[in-house]
Amino acid sequence: MKKTASLVLLFFVSVAVFAQNAIYTSHEFIDKQIKINYALYKEGTVSLYVSVDGGKTFNGPLAGLSGDAGCDIKQGPSRSMIWDAPAGYDQIPPSLLQFKVEVKDFDDIYIPMVYVRGGTFSIGNKEHQTNNIPSDEVPVHTATVSDFSISKYEITQEQWVTIMGSNPSYFLGDSLPVDNVSYADVRQFVFKLSKITGKKYRMPTEAEWLYAARGGYKSQGYKYSGSNNLDEVAWTKENSGKKTHEVGTKEPNELGIYDMTGNVMEWCYDNYGEYPSEDVINPTGPIKESTSTYKDGVWTIQETNKEPHYVMKGASWTNSSKNCYLDKRHHSYINHRRYNFGVRIVME
């Protein structure tokens, strides 16, 4: 089928009702994109699924959506979204190509949080001089953090889809941690979550993350989060089978928080840089110029090669035991995504 920008092919299909909150009515090809038309009867997060076997099976939620898709879509009889479909969908017979619109209710959003009483502790690796630890783990200094609440588990794919409307993950499963997310993606997630709930969510600072991972005021001084036995508390290169696992299936740490070592690496709020030599209170890392801008609910990244790196903590299913200790620091660019990048959030 040859298509041009002016050619629009409209296929009407039998109406499909999903959860009685949205009705998919039709789709049409417009150049290299597909426009999906639907009616929405309840406000929420709208996701899209596609079938190429006449509705027997559906794949999704799909990425690459614009228009009336994603978070905070208002109800109405005439809604539409655009899907940047991969090549070849225009060759699928109309009787086999179908779509399903799913609506998730914001009232169902539930992210278990653990209250962490603030305190003062040491940041940095005290074994640097004797064990040739990387230089970015020193100097050892004292940090004080205020009270905060942190998510009991890594953010799951179900939670991510409820807010964002699509699933970027490489490994798929509602109870698996979301993966393949960038720092910029997470900023959008916490912004939308805060807007929907009326609460203040954000990424943890490196100091908050480390304090919670060590067990806060209940800390037993473990090498990993919750134990000196890595296999008890973490999915790593040695035991993961080269994939992520359902959150909360290993043992928790002293505060009842799961997977702060292993499974997916977790983004922190801070710019990556050298540790300070002086004592600090509620540190947020070094301040660096950023070329990212926020407009209309979207973070735009400009001149990516000049962007600072941001801190990541906790190691992941790809890391060997020698790189899973709590003082280990990782970092990456603001828009870098990978199959072992995830997130945990805090609430002020």
C-alpha atoms as a PDB file:
ATOM      1  CA  MET A   1       0.000   0.000   0.000  1.00  0.00           C
ATOM      2  CA  LYS A   2       1.508   3.299  -1.064  1.00  0.00           C
ATOM      3  CA  LYS A   3       0.883   6.232   1.249  1.00  0.00           C
ATOM      4  CA  THR A   4       1.392   9.953   0.906  1.00  0.00           C
ATOM      5  CA  ALA A   5       0.901  12.791   3.351  1.00  0.00           C
ATOM      6  CA  SER A   6      -2.432  13.598   1.733  1.00  0.00           C
ATOM      7  CA  LEU A   7      -3.699  10.037   1.716  1.00  0.00           C
ATOM      8  CA  VAL A   8      -5.890   9.088   4.637  1.00  0.00           C
ATOM      9  CA  LEU A   9      -7.311   5.574   4.842  1.00  0.00           C
ATOM     10  CA  LEU A  10     -10.067   5.177   7.387  1.00  0.00           C
ATOM     11  CA  PHE A  11     -11.038   1.780   8.753  1.00  0.00           C
ATOM     12  CA  PHE A  12     -14.124   1.470  10.935  1.00  0.00           C
ATOM     13  CA  VAL A  13     -14.262  -1.616  13.089  1.00  0.00           C
ATOM     14  CA  SER A  14     -16.662  -3.101  15.528  1.00  0.00           C
ATOM     15  CA  VAL A  15     -16.829  -1.073  18.726  1.00  0.00           C
ATOM     16  CA  ALA A  16     -14.777  -2.532  21.570  1.00  0.00           C
ATOM     17  CA  VAL A  17     -15.531  -1.595  25.159  1.00  0.00           C
ATOM     18  CA  PHE A  18     -12.763  -1.839  27.772  1.00  0.00           C
ATOM     19  CA  ALA A  19     -13.699  -1.549  31.436  1.00  0.00           C
ATOM     20  CA  GLN A  20     -16.702   0.565  30.298  1.00  0.00           C
ATOM     21  CA  ASN A  21     -14.601   3.709  30.658  1.00  0.00           C
ATOM     22  CA  ALA A  22     -13.411   4.065  27.069  1.00  0.00           C
ATOM     23  CA  ILE A  23     -14.745   3.023  23.664  1.00  0.00           C
ATOM     24  CA  TYR A  24     -12.390   2.620  20.714  1.00  0.00           C
ATOM     25  CA  THR A  25     -14.265   3.695  17.576  1.00  0.00           C
ATOM     26  CA  SER A  26     -11.848   3.766  14.630  1.00  0.00           C
ATOM     27  CA  HIS A  27      -8.317   4.258  13.380  1.00  0.00           C
ATOM     28  CA  GLU A  28      -6.837   5.851  10.291  1.00  0.00           C
ATOM     29  CA  PHE A  29      -3.436   6.009   8.600  1.00  0.00           C
ATOM     30  CA  ILE A  30      -1.978   9.475   8.094  1.00  0.00           C
ATOM     31  CA  ASP A  31       1.341   9.222   6.293  1.00  0.00           C
ATOM     32  CA  LYS A  32       3.599   7.147   8.595  1.00  0.00           C
ATOM     33  CA  GLN A  33       1.386   7.493  11.671  1.00  0.00           C
ATOM     34  CA  ILE A  34      -1.858   5.971  12.876  1.00  0.00           C
ATOM     35  CA  LYS A  35      -4.580   8.087  14.422  1.00  0.00           C
ATOM     36  CA  ILE A  36      -6.813   6.297  16.938  1.00  0.00           C
ATOM     37  CA  ASN A  37     -10.233   7.762  17.701  1.00  0.00           C
ATOM     38  CA  TYR A  38     -12.121   6.927  20.861  1.00  0.00           C
ATOM     39  CA  ALA A  39     -14.636   8.151  23.435  1.00  0.00           C
ATOM     40  CA  LEU A  40     -13.586   8.565  27.058  1.00  0.00           C
ATOM     41  CA  TYR A  41     -16.158   8.340  29.848  1.00  0.00           C
ATOM     42  CA  LYS A  42     -13.904   8.637  32.883  1.00  0.00           C
ATOM     43  CA  GLU A  43     -10.868  10.842  33.475  1.00  0.00           C
ATOM     44  CA  GLY A  44      -7.588   9.017  33.981  1.00  0.00           C
ATOM     45  CA  THR A  45      -4.416   7.727  32.338  1.00  0.00           C
ATOM     46  CA  VAL A  46      -5.034   6.483  28.822  1.00  0.00           C
ATOM     47  CA  SER A  47      -2.953   3.654  27.326  1.00  0.00           C
ATOM     48  CA  LEU A  48      -3.121   1.990  23.928  1.00  0.00           C
ATOM     49  CA  TYR A  49      -2.788  -1.683  22.950  1.00  0.00           C
ATOM     50  CA  VAL A  50      -2.594  -3.182  19.450  1.00  0.00           C
ATOM     51  CA  SER A  51      -3.700  -6.523  17.980  1.00  0.00           C
ATOM     52  CA  VAL A  52      -2.623  -7.973  14.641  1.00  0.00           C
ATOM     53  CA  ASP A  53      -4.738 -11.120  14.907  1.00  0.00           C
ATOM     54  CA  GLY A  54      -8.234  -9.663  14.938  1.00  0.00           C
ATOM     55  CA  GLY A  55      -8.386  -9.018  18.673  1.00  0.00           C
ATOM     56  CA  LYS A  56      -7.304 -12.442  19.942  1.00  0.00           C
ATOM     57  CA  THR A  57      -4.199 -11.005  21.612  1.00  0.00           C
ATOM     58  CA  PHE A  58      -3.096  -7.449  22.338  1.00  0.00           C
ATOM     59  CA  ASN A  59       0.389  -6.011  22.849  1.00  0.00           C
ATOM     60  CA  GLY A  60       1.127  -2.899  24.873  1.00  0.00           C
ATOM     61  CA  PRO A  61       0.896  -0.459  26.424  1.00  0.00           C
ATOM     62  CA  LEU A  62       2.453   1.183  23.386  1.00  0.00           C
ATOM     63  CA  ALA A  63       5.075   3.908  23.423  1.00  0.00           C
ATOM     64  CA  GLY A  64       5.391   6.726  20.908  1.00  0.00           C
ATOM     65  CA  LEU A  65       1.966   8.245  21.576  1.00  0.00           C
ATOM     66  CA  SER A  66       0.857  11.863  21.361  1.00  0.00           C
ATOM     67  CA  GLY A  67      -2.474  13.647  21.626  1.00  0.00           C
ATOM     68  CA  ASP A  68      -5.067  12.370  24.097  1.00  0.00           C
ATOM     69  CA  ALA A  69      -2.830   9.707  25.622  1.00  0.00           C
ATOM     70  CA  GLY A  70      -1.002   9.389  28.904  1.00  0.00           C
ATOM     71  CA  CYS A  71      -1.735  11.149  32.157  1.00  0.00           C
ATOM     72  CA  ASP A  72      -4.693  13.314  33.166  1.00  0.00           C
ATOM     73  CA  ILE A  73      -6.858  12.926  30.054  1.00  0.00           C
ATOM     74  CA  LYS A  74     -10.288  14.528  30.477  1.00  0.00           C
ATOM     75  CA  GLN A  75     -13.461  12.685  29.549  1.00  0.00           C
ATOM     76  CA  GLY A  76     -15.214  13.483  26.293  1.00  0.00           C
ATOM     77  CA  PRO A  77     -16.984  11.861  23.308  1.00  0.00           C
ATOM     78  CA  SER A  78     -14.292  12.728  20.749  1.00  0.00           C
ATOM     79  CA  ARG A  79     -10.747  11.920  21.788  1.00  0.00           C
ATOM     80  CA  SER A  80      -7.844  10.908  19.583  1.00  0.00           C
ATOM     81  CA  MET A  81      -4.181   9.959  19.825  1.00  0.00           C
ATOM     82  CA  ILE A  82      -1.382   9.549  17.295  1.00  0.00           C
ATOM     83  CA  TRP A  83       0.858   6.487  17.309  1.00  0.00           C
ATOM     84  CA  ASP A  84       4.253   6.544  15.591  1.00  0.00           C
ATOM     85  CA  ALA A  85       3.847   2.960  14.453  1.00  0.00           C
ATOM     86  CA  PRO A  86       6.778   0.850  13.239  1.00  0.00           C
ATOM     87  CA  ALA A  87       6.961   0.157   9.515  1.00  0.00           C
ATOM     88  CA  GLY A  88       4.664  -2.504   8.132  1.00  0.00           C
ATOM     89  CA  TYR A  89       1.429  -1.828   9.980  1.00  0.00           C
ATOM     90  CA  ASP A  90      -0.117  -0.410   6.804  1.00  0.00           C
ATOM     91  CA  GLN A  91       0.290  -3.863   5.244  1.00  0.00           C
ATOM     92  CA  ILE A  92      -1.787  -5.661   7.885  1.00  0.00           C
ATOM     93  CA  PRO A  93      -5.325  -6.518   6.675  1.00  0.00           C
ATOM     94  CA  PRO A  94      -7.932  -4.180   8.226  1.00  0.00           C
ATOM     95  CA  SER A  95      -9.825  -7.125   9.691  1.00  0.00           C
ATOM     96  CA  LEU A  96      -6.764  -8.135  11.735  1.00  0.00           C
ATOM     97  CA  LEU A  97      -5.483  -4.728  12.907  1.00  0.00           C
ATOM     98  CA  GLN A  98      -7.389  -3.616  15.985  1.00  0.00           C
ATOM     99  CA  PHE A  99      -6.723  -1.371  18.968  1.00  0.00           C
ATOM    100  CA  LYS A 100      -7.804  -1.329  22.595  1.00  0.00           C
ATOM    101  CA  VAL A 101      -7.904   1.772  24.777  1.00  0.00           C
ATOM    102  CA  GLU A 102      -7.292   1.256  28.501  1.00  0.00           C
ATOM    103  CA  VAL A 103      -8.067   3.784  31.235  1.00  0.00           C
ATOM    104  CA  LYS A 104      -6.501   3.588  34.680  1.00  0.00           C
ATOM    105  CA  ASP A 105      -8.219   5.354  37.546  1.00  0.00           C
ATOM    106  CA  PHE A 106      -6.067   7.748  39.592  1.00  0.00           C
ATOM    107  CA  ASP A 107      -8.000   6.688  42.695  1.00  0.00           C
ATOM    108  CA  ASP A 108      -6.268   3.322  42.425  1.00  0.00           C
ATOM    109  CA  ILE A 109      -2.761   4.767  42.687  1.00  0.00           C
ATOM    110  CA  TYR A 110      -1.025   3.270  45.686  1.00  0.00           C
ATOM    111  CA  ILE A 111       2.688   3.574  46.373  1.00  0.00           C
ATOM    112  CA  PRO A 112       3.625   2.148  49.795  1.00  0.00           C
ATOM    113  CA  MET A 113       5.953   4.527  51.630  1.00  0.00           C
ATOM    114  CA  VAL A 114       8.244   4.037  54.619  1.00  0.00           C
ATOM    115  CA  TYR A 115       8.760   6.915  57.043  1.00  0.00           C
ATOM    116  CA  VAL A 116      12.445   7.591  57.708  1.00  0.00           C
ATOM    117  CA  ARG A 117      13.348   9.586  60.793  1.00  0.00           C
ATOM    118  CA  GLY A 118      16.200  11.952  59.969  1.00  0.00           C
ATOM    119  CA  GLY A 119      19.661  11.762  61.449  1.00  0.00           C
ATOM    120  CA  THR A 120      23.387  12.317  61.045  1.00  0.00           C
ATOM    121  CA  PHE A 121      25.719   9.770  59.476  1.00  0.00           C
ATOM    122  CA  SER A 122      28.961   9.407  57.533  1.00  0.00           C
ATOM    123  CA  ILE A 123      29.088   9.419  53.749  1.00  0.00           C
ATOM    124  CA  GLY A 124      32.097   7.997  51.971  1.00  0.00           C
ATOM    125  CA  ASN A 125      34.121   4.816  51.973  1.00  0.00           C
ATOM    126  CA  LYS A 126      36.364   4.505  54.990  1.00  0.00           C
ATOM    127  CA  GLU A 127      38.295   1.652  53.338  1.00  0.00           C
ATOM    128  CA  HIS A 128      39.541   3.820  50.450  1.00  0.00           C
ATOM    129  CA  GLN A 129      43.174   4.037  51.519  1.00  0.00           C
ATOM    130  CA  THR A 130      43.549   0.334  52.246  1.00  0.00           C
ATOM    131  CA  ASN A 131      41.477  -1.320  49.512  1.00  0.00           C
ATOM    132  CA  ASN A 132      42.035   0.976  46.512  1.00  0.00           C
ATOM    133  CA  ILE A 133      38.398   2.108  46.449  1.00  0.00           C
ATOM    134  CA  PRO A 134      37.442   4.539  43.603  1.00  0.00           C
ATOM    135  CA  SER A 135      38.354   8.129  44.418  1.00  0.00           C
ATOM    136  CA  ASP A 136      34.770   9.407  43.969  1.00  0.00           C
ATOM    137  CA  GLU A 137      33.866   7.672  47.243  1.00  0.00           C
ATOM    138  CA  VAL A 138      35.992  10.049  49.338  1.00  0.00           C
ATOM    139  CA  PRO A 139      36.494  12.223  51.270  1.00  0.00           C
ATOM    140  CA  VAL A 140      34.497  10.736  54.114  1.00  0.00           C
ATOM    141  CA  HIS A 141      32.286  13.447  55.563  1.00  0.00           C
ATOM    142  CA  THR A 142      29.271  13.833  57.842  1.00  0.00           C
ATOM    143  CA  ALA A 143      25.792  14.480  56.480  1.00  0.00           C
ATOM    144  CA  THR A 144      22.543  15.319  58.258  1.00  0.00           C
ATOM    145  CA  VAL A 145      19.190  14.617  56.596  1.00  0.00           C
ATOM    146  CA  SER A 146      15.716  15.687  57.690  1.00  0.00           C
ATOM    147  CA  ASP A 147      12.724  13.354  58.018  1.00  0.00           C
ATOM    148  CA  PHE A 148      11.295  11.991  54.764  1.00  0.00           C
ATOM    149  CA  SER A 149       9.297   9.070  53.390  1.00  0.00           C
ATOM    150  CA  ILE A 150      10.692   6.747  50.727  1.00  0.00           C
ATOM    151  CA  SER A 151       8.926   4.156  48.599  1.00  0.00           C
ATOM    152  CA  LYS A 152       9.015   0.712  50.146  1.00  0.00           C
ATOM    153  CA  TYR A 153       9.679  -0.844  46.757  1.00  0.00           C
ATOM    154  CA  GLU A 154      11.170   0.272  43.478  1.00  0.00           C
ATOM    155  CA  ILE A 155       8.516   1.864  41.258  1.00  0.00           C
ATOM    156  CA  THR A 156       6.731  -0.925  39.405  1.00  0.00           C
ATOM    157  CA  GLN A 157       5.627  -1.020  35.804  1.00  0.00           C
ATOM    158  CA  GLU A 158       1.961  -0.966  36.862  1.00  0.00           C
ATOM    159  CA  GLN A 159       2.544   2.243  38.829  1.00  0.00           C
ATOM    160  CA  TRP A 160       4.515   3.794  35.981  1.00  0.00           C
ATOM    161  CA  VAL A 161       1.844   2.993  33.369  1.00  0.00           C
ATOM    162  CA  THR A 162      -0.909   4.360  35.614  1.00  0.00           C
ATOM    163  CA  ILE A 163       0.841   7.738  35.617  1.00  0.00           C
ATOM    164  CA  MET A 164       2.579   7.827  32.234  1.00  0.00           C
ATOM    165  CA  GLY A 165       0.277   5.742  30.026  1.00  0.00           C
ATOM    166  CA  SER A 166       3.044   3.671  28.411  1.00  0.00           C
ATOM    167  CA  ASN A 167       5.665   1.165  29.479  1.00  0.00           C
ATOM    168  CA  PRO A 168       9.298   1.692  28.413  1.00  0.00           C
ATOM    169  CA  SER A 169      10.591  -1.451  30.132  1.00  0.00           C
ATOM    170  CA  TYR A 170      12.722  -4.127  28.518  1.00  0.00           C
ATOM    171  CA  PHE A 171      11.485  -6.818  30.906  1.00  0.00           C
ATOM    172  CA  LEU A 172       7.680  -6.786  31.072  1.00  0.00           C
ATOM    173  CA  GLY A 173       5.483  -7.470  34.100  1.00  0.00           C
ATOM    174  CA  ASP A 174       3.176  -5.374  36.285  1.00  0.00           C
ATOM    175  CA  SER A 175       5.053  -6.247  39.495  1.00  0.00           C
ATOM    176  CA  LEU A 176       8.516  -5.935  38.000  1.00  0.00           C
ATOM    177  CA  PRO A 177      10.388  -2.678  38.574  1.00  0.00           C
ATOM    178  CA  VAL A 178      10.096  -0.237  35.710  1.00  0.00           C
ATOM    179  CA  ASP A 179      13.359  -0.211  33.765  1.00  0.00           C
ATOM    180  CA  ASN A 180      14.821   1.588  30.772  1.00  0.00           C
ATOM    181  CA  VAL A 181      13.928   5.007  32.212  1.00  0.00           C
ATOM    182  CA  SER A 182      16.106   8.113  32.070  1.00  0.00           C
ATOM    183  CA  TYR A 183      16.539  10.856  34.643  1.00  0.00           C
ATOM    184  CA  ALA A 184      14.373  13.086  32.428  1.00  0.00           C
ATOM    185  CA  ASP A 185      11.659  10.387  32.280  1.00  0.00           C
ATOM    186  CA  VAL A 186      11.634  10.168  36.065  1.00  0.00           C
ATOM    187  CA  ARG A 187      11.317  13.947  36.400  1.00  0.00           C
ATOM    188  CA  GLN A 188       8.175  13.783  34.297  1.00  0.00           C
ATOM    189  CA  PHE A 189       6.853  10.872  36.363  1.00  0.00           C
ATOM    190  CA  VAL A 190       7.254  12.580  39.747  1.00  0.00           C
ATOM    191  CA  PHE A 191       5.891  15.861  38.364  1.00  0.00           C
ATOM    192  CA  LYS A 192       2.730  14.174  37.096  1.00  0.00           C
ATOM    193  CA  LEU A 193       2.361  12.027  40.221  1.00  0.00           C
ATOM    194  CA  SER A 194       2.604  15.153  42.395  1.00  0.00           C
ATOM    195  CA  LYS A 195       0.067  16.984  40.250  1.00  0.00           C
ATOM    196  CA  ILE A 196      -2.431  14.133  40.384  1.00  0.00           C
ATOM    197  CA  THR A 197      -2.153  13.371  44.094  1.00  0.00           C
ATOM    198  CA  GLY A 198      -1.529  16.862  45.440  1.00  0.00           C
ATOM    199  CA  LYS A 199       1.510  15.526  47.334  1.00  0.00           C
ATOM    200  CA  LYS A 200       5.162  16.434  46.791  1.00  0.00           C
ATOM    201  CA  TYR A 201       7.104  13.563  45.248  1.00  0.00           C
ATOM    202  CA  ARG A 202      10.646  13.636  43.882  1.00  0.00           C
ATOM    203  CA  MET A 203      13.749  11.530  43.490  1.00  0.00           C
ATOM    204  CA  PRO A 204      15.756  10.960  46.676  1.00  0.00           C
ATOM    205  CA  THR A 205      18.987  12.833  47.122  1.00  0.00           C
ATOM    206  CA  GLU A 206      22.061  10.633  47.275  1.00  0.00           C
ATOM    207  CA  ALA A 207      22.303  11.320  51.016  1.00  0.00           C
ATOM    208  CA  GLU A 208      18.652  10.370  51.608  1.00  0.00           C
ATOM    209  CA  TRP A 209      19.024   7.245  49.510  1.00  0.00           C
ATOM    210  CA  LEU A 210      22.168   6.136  51.317  1.00  0.00           C
ATOM    211  CA  TYR A 211      20.759   6.884  54.773  1.00  0.00           C
ATOM    212  CA  ALA A 212      17.617   4.832  54.031  1.00  0.00           C
ATOM    213  CA  ALA A 213      19.606   2.015  52.404  1.00  0.00           C
ATOM    214  CA  ARG A 214      21.817   1.722  55.486  1.00  0.00           C
ATOM    215  CA  GLY A 215      18.767   1.379  57.697  1.00  0.00           C
ATOM    216  CA  GLY A 216      18.556   4.923  59.069  1.00  0.00           C
ATOM    217  CA  TYR A 217      18.646   5.136  62.851  1.00  0.00           C
ATOM    218  CA  LYS A 218      18.241   1.337  62.987  1.00  0.00           C
ATOM    219  CA  SER A 219      21.384   0.716  60.939  1.00  0.00           C
ATOM    220  CA  GLN A 220      23.407  -2.381  61.756  1.00  0.00           C
ATOM    221  CA  GLY A 221      26.294  -1.272  59.562  1.00  0.00           C
ATOM    222  CA  TYR A 222      25.791  -3.884  56.857  1.00  0.00           C
ATOM    223  CA  LYS A 223      27.813  -3.856  53.633  1.00  0.00           C
ATOM    224  CA  TYR A 224      24.645  -4.239  51.560  1.00  0.00           C
ATOM    225  CA  SER A 225      21.158  -2.939  52.268  1.00  0.00           C
ATOM    226  CA  GLY A 226      19.876  -5.232  55.026  1.00  0.00           C
ATOM    227  CA  SER A 227      22.619  -7.840  55.235  1.00  0.00           C
ATOM    228  CA  ASN A 228      26.245  -8.789  54.798  1.00  0.00           C
ATOM    229  CA  ASN A 229      24.968 -11.759  52.778  1.00  0.00           C
ATOM    230  CA  LEU A 230      24.267 -10.317  49.328  1.00  0.00           C
ATOM    231  CA  ASP A 231      22.121 -13.228  48.134  1.00  0.00           C
ATOM    232  CA  GLU A 232      19.630 -12.639  50.987  1.00  0.00           C
ATOM    233  CA  VAL A 233      18.735  -9.122  49.921  1.00  0.00           C
ATOM    234  CA  ALA A 234      19.593  -8.592  46.253  1.00  0.00           C
ATOM    235  CA  TRP A 235      19.131  -9.749  42.673  1.00  0.00           C
ATOM    236  CA  THR A 236      22.570  -9.460  41.078  1.00  0.00           C
ATOM    237  CA  LYS A 237      24.610 -10.848  38.198  1.00  0.00           C
ATOM    238  CA  GLU A 238      25.238 -14.033  40.166  1.00  0.00           C
ATOM    239  CA  ASN A 239      21.608 -14.971  40.921  1.00  0.00           C
ATOM    240  CA  SER A 240      19.243 -12.978  38.659  1.00  0.00           C
ATOM    241  CA  GLY A 241      19.249 -15.167  35.576  1.00  0.00           C
ATOM    242  CA  LYS A 242      19.994 -12.022  33.525  1.00  0.00           C
ATOM    243  CA  LYS A 243      16.677 -10.317  34.239  1.00  0.00           C
ATOM    244  CA  THR A 244      14.787  -8.216  36.773  1.00  0.00           C
ATOM    245  CA  HIS A 245      12.529  -9.794  39.384  1.00  0.00           C
ATOM    246  CA  GLU A 246       9.269  -8.912  41.109  1.00  0.00           C
ATOM    247  CA  VAL A 247       9.849  -6.237  43.729  1.00  0.00           C
ATOM    248  CA  GLY A 248       9.942  -7.279  47.369  1.00  0.00           C
ATOM    249  CA  THR A 249      10.898 -10.930  46.847  1.00  0.00           C
ATOM    250  CA  LYS A 250      14.200 -10.676  48.743  1.00  0.00           C
ATOM    251  CA  GLU A 251      14.604  -9.752  52.427  1.00  0.00           C
ATOM    252  CA  PRO A 252      14.085  -6.097  53.485  1.00  0.00           C
ATOM    253  CA  ASN A 253      16.588  -3.907  55.292  1.00  0.00           C
ATOM    254  CA  GLU A 254      16.349  -2.672  58.890  1.00  0.00           C
ATOM    255  CA  LEU A 255      13.617  -0.132  57.964  1.00  0.00           C
ATOM    256  CA  GLY A 256      11.521  -2.618  56.002  1.00  0.00           C
ATOM    257  CA  ILE A 257      12.629  -1.301  52.573  1.00  0.00           C
ATOM    258  CA  TYR A 258      13.225  -3.765  49.736  1.00  0.00           C
ATOM    259  CA  ASP A 259      15.689  -4.034  46.844  1.00  0.00           C
ATOM    260  CA  MET A 260      17.907  -1.094  47.740  1.00  0.00           C
ATOM    261  CA  THR A 261      20.715  -3.347  46.606  1.00  0.00           C
ATOM    262  CA  GLY A 262      20.247  -5.036  43.236  1.00  0.00           C
ATOM    263  CA  ASN A 263      17.340  -5.561  40.825  1.00  0.00           C
ATOM    264  CA  VAL A 264      17.515  -2.134  39.099  1.00  0.00           C
ATOM    265  CA  MET A 265      19.877   0.766  39.622  1.00  0.00           C
ATOM    266  CA  GLU A 266      18.065   3.804  41.051  1.00  0.00           C
ATOM    267  CA  TRP A 267      18.320   7.434  39.940  1.00  0.00           C
ATOM    268  CA  CYS A 268      19.052  10.080  42.577  1.00  0.00           C
ATOM    269  CA  TYR A 269      18.322  13.802  42.440  1.00  0.00           C
ATOM    270  CA  ASP A 270      21.959  14.929  42.638  1.00  0.00           C
ATOM    271  CA  ASN A 271      24.373  16.013  39.973  1.00  0.00           C
ATOM    272  CA  TYR A 272      27.334  13.649  40.034  1.00  0.00           C
ATOM    273  CA  GLY A 273      30.570  15.189  41.270  1.00  0.00           C
ATOM    274  CA  GLU A 274      33.186  15.169  43.973  1.00  0.00           C
ATOM    275  CA  TYR A 275      32.157  14.791  47.596  1.00  0.00           C
ATOM    276  CA  PRO A 276      32.615  17.872  49.799  1.00  0.00           C
ATOM    277  CA  SER A 277      35.236  17.802  52.534  1.00  0.00           C
ATOM    278  CA  GLU A 278      33.100  19.668  55.063  1.00  0.00           C
ATOM    279  CA  ASP A 279      30.036  18.454  56.971  1.00  0.00           C
ATOM    280  CA  VAL A 280      26.740  19.055  55.147  1.00  0.00           C
ATOM    281  CA  ILE A 281      23.020  19.328  55.917  1.00  0.00           C
ATOM    282  CA  ASN A 282      20.481  17.962  53.409  1.00  0.00           C
ATOM    283  CA  PRO A 283      23.042  17.940  50.561  1.00  0.00           C
ATOM    284  CA  THR A 284      21.866  17.881  46.959  1.00  0.00           C
ATOM    285  CA  GLY A 285      25.212  17.429  45.235  1.00  0.00           C
ATOM    286  CA  PRO A 286      27.271  19.918  43.231  1.00  0.00           C
ATOM    287  CA  ILE A 287      25.438  22.550  41.206  1.00  0.00           C
ATOM    288  CA  LYS A 288      26.096  22.377  37.479  1.00  0.00           C
ATOM    289  CA  GLU A 289      24.608  24.264  34.568  1.00  0.00           C
ATOM    290  CA  SER A 290      21.896  22.276  32.823  1.00  0.00           C
ATOM    291  CA  THR A 291      20.584  22.807  29.321  1.00  0.00           C
ATOM    292  CA  SER A 292      17.297  21.033  29.986  1.00  0.00           C
ATOM    293  CA  THR A 293      14.071  23.043  29.973  1.00  0.00           C
ATOM    294  CA  TYR A 294      10.535  22.318  31.153  1.00  0.00           C
ATOM    295  CA  LYS A 295       7.487  23.349  29.110  1.00  0.00           C
ATOM    296  CA  ASP A 296       3.906  22.074  28.883  1.00  0.00           C
ATOM    297  CA  GLY A 297       4.570  19.056  31.079  1.00  0.00           C
ATOM    298  CA  VAL A 298       7.657  17.876  29.153  1.00  0.00           C
ATOM    299  CA  TRP A 299      11.363  18.108  29.946  1.00  0.00           C
ATOM    300  CA  THR A 300      13.346  18.937  26.794  1.00  0.00           C
ATOM    301  CA  ILE A 301      17.033  18.066  26.649  1.00  0.00           C
ATOM    302  CA  GLN A 302      19.296  20.299  24.593  1.00  0.00           C
ATOM    303  CA  GLU A 303      23.003  19.912  23.811  1.00  0.00           C
ATOM    304  CA  THR A 304      23.056  16.535  25.494  1.00  0.00           C
ATOM    305  CA  ASN A 305      26.834  16.189  25.298  1.00  0.00           C
ATOM    306  CA  LYS A 306      27.116  19.145  27.676  1.00  0.00           C
ATOM    307  CA  GLU A 307      24.613  17.819  30.205  1.00  0.00           C
ATOM    308  CA  PRO A 308      25.957  16.876  33.635  1.00  0.00           C
ATOM    309  CA  HIS A 309      25.789  13.327  34.898  1.00  0.00           C
ATOM    310  CA  TYR A 310      23.412  12.351  37.695  1.00  0.00           C
ATOM    311  CA  VAL A 311      23.999   9.940  40.534  1.00  0.00           C
ATOM    312  CA  MET A 312      22.673   6.377  40.501  1.00  0.00           C
ATOM    313  CA  LYS A 313      22.777   4.040  43.497  1.00  0.00           C
ATOM    314  CA  GLY A 314      22.053   0.467  44.495  1.00  0.00           C
ATOM    315  CA  ALA A 315      23.621  -1.544  41.647  1.00  0.00           C
ATOM    316  CA  SER A 316      21.427  -3.917  39.625  1.00  0.00           C
ATOM    317  CA  TRP A 317      20.881  -7.392  38.237  1.00  0.00           C
ATOM    318  CA  THR A 318      23.825  -6.750  35.872  1.00  0.00           C
ATOM    319  CA  ASN A 319      26.370  -6.013  38.609  1.00  0.00           C
ATOM    320  CA  SER A 320      28.711  -8.511  40.207  1.00  0.00           C
ATOM    321  CA  SER A 321      29.081  -8.655  43.970  1.00  0.00           C
ATOM    322  CA  LYS A 322      32.215  -6.495  43.976  1.00  0.00           C
ATOM    323  CA  ASN A 323      30.164  -3.517  42.729  1.00  0.00           C
ATOM    324  CA  CYS A 324      27.096  -3.892  44.972  1.00  0.00           C
ATOM    325  CA  TYR A 325      28.368  -2.408  48.244  1.00  0.00           C
ATOM    326  CA  LEU A 326      26.376   0.613  49.468  1.00  0.00           C
ATOM    327  CA  ASP A 327      29.133   3.204  49.071  1.00  0.00           C
ATOM    328  CA  LYS A 328      29.498   2.393  45.353  1.00  0.00           C
ATOM    329  CA  ARG A 329      28.541   5.344  43.126  1.00  0.00           C
ATOM    330  CA  HIS A 330      27.231   5.084  39.580  1.00  0.00           C
ATOM    331  CA  HIS A 331      26.224   7.907  37.240  1.00  0.00           C
ATOM    332  CA  SER A 332      24.774   8.603  33.795  1.00  0.00           C
ATOM    333  CA  TYR A 333      23.487  11.331  31.458  1.00  0.00           C
ATOM    334  CA  ILE A 334      20.112  12.937  31.961  1.00  0.00           C
ATOM    335  CA  ASN A 335      18.443  11.233  28.982  1.00  0.00           C
ATOM    336  CA  HIS A 336      20.284   7.889  29.073  1.00  0.00           C
ATOM    337  CA  ARG A 337      18.036   4.818  29.268  1.00  0.00           C
ATOM    338  CA  ARG A 338      19.107   1.240  29.920  1.00  0.00           C
ATOM    339  CA  TYR A 339      17.487  -2.075  30.827  1.00  0.00           C
ATOM    340  CA  ASN A 340      18.834  -1.854  34.380  1.00  0.00           C
ATOM    341  CA  PHE A 341      17.887   1.794  35.126  1.00  0.00           C
ATOM    342  CA  GLY A 342      14.934   2.255  37.484  1.00  0.00           C
ATOM    343  CA  VAL A 343      13.803   4.517  40.307  1.00  0.00           C
ATOM    344  CA  ARG A 344      12.538   4.796  43.859  1.00  0.00           C
ATOM    345  CA  ILE A 345      10.852   8.015  45.039  1.00  0.00           C
ATOM    346  CA  VAL A 346      10.527  10.071  48.204  1.00  0.00           C
ATOM    347  CA  MET A 347       7.653  12.157  49.531  1.00  0.00           C
ATOM    348  CA  GLU A 348       8.337  15.326  51.481  1.00  0.00           C
END
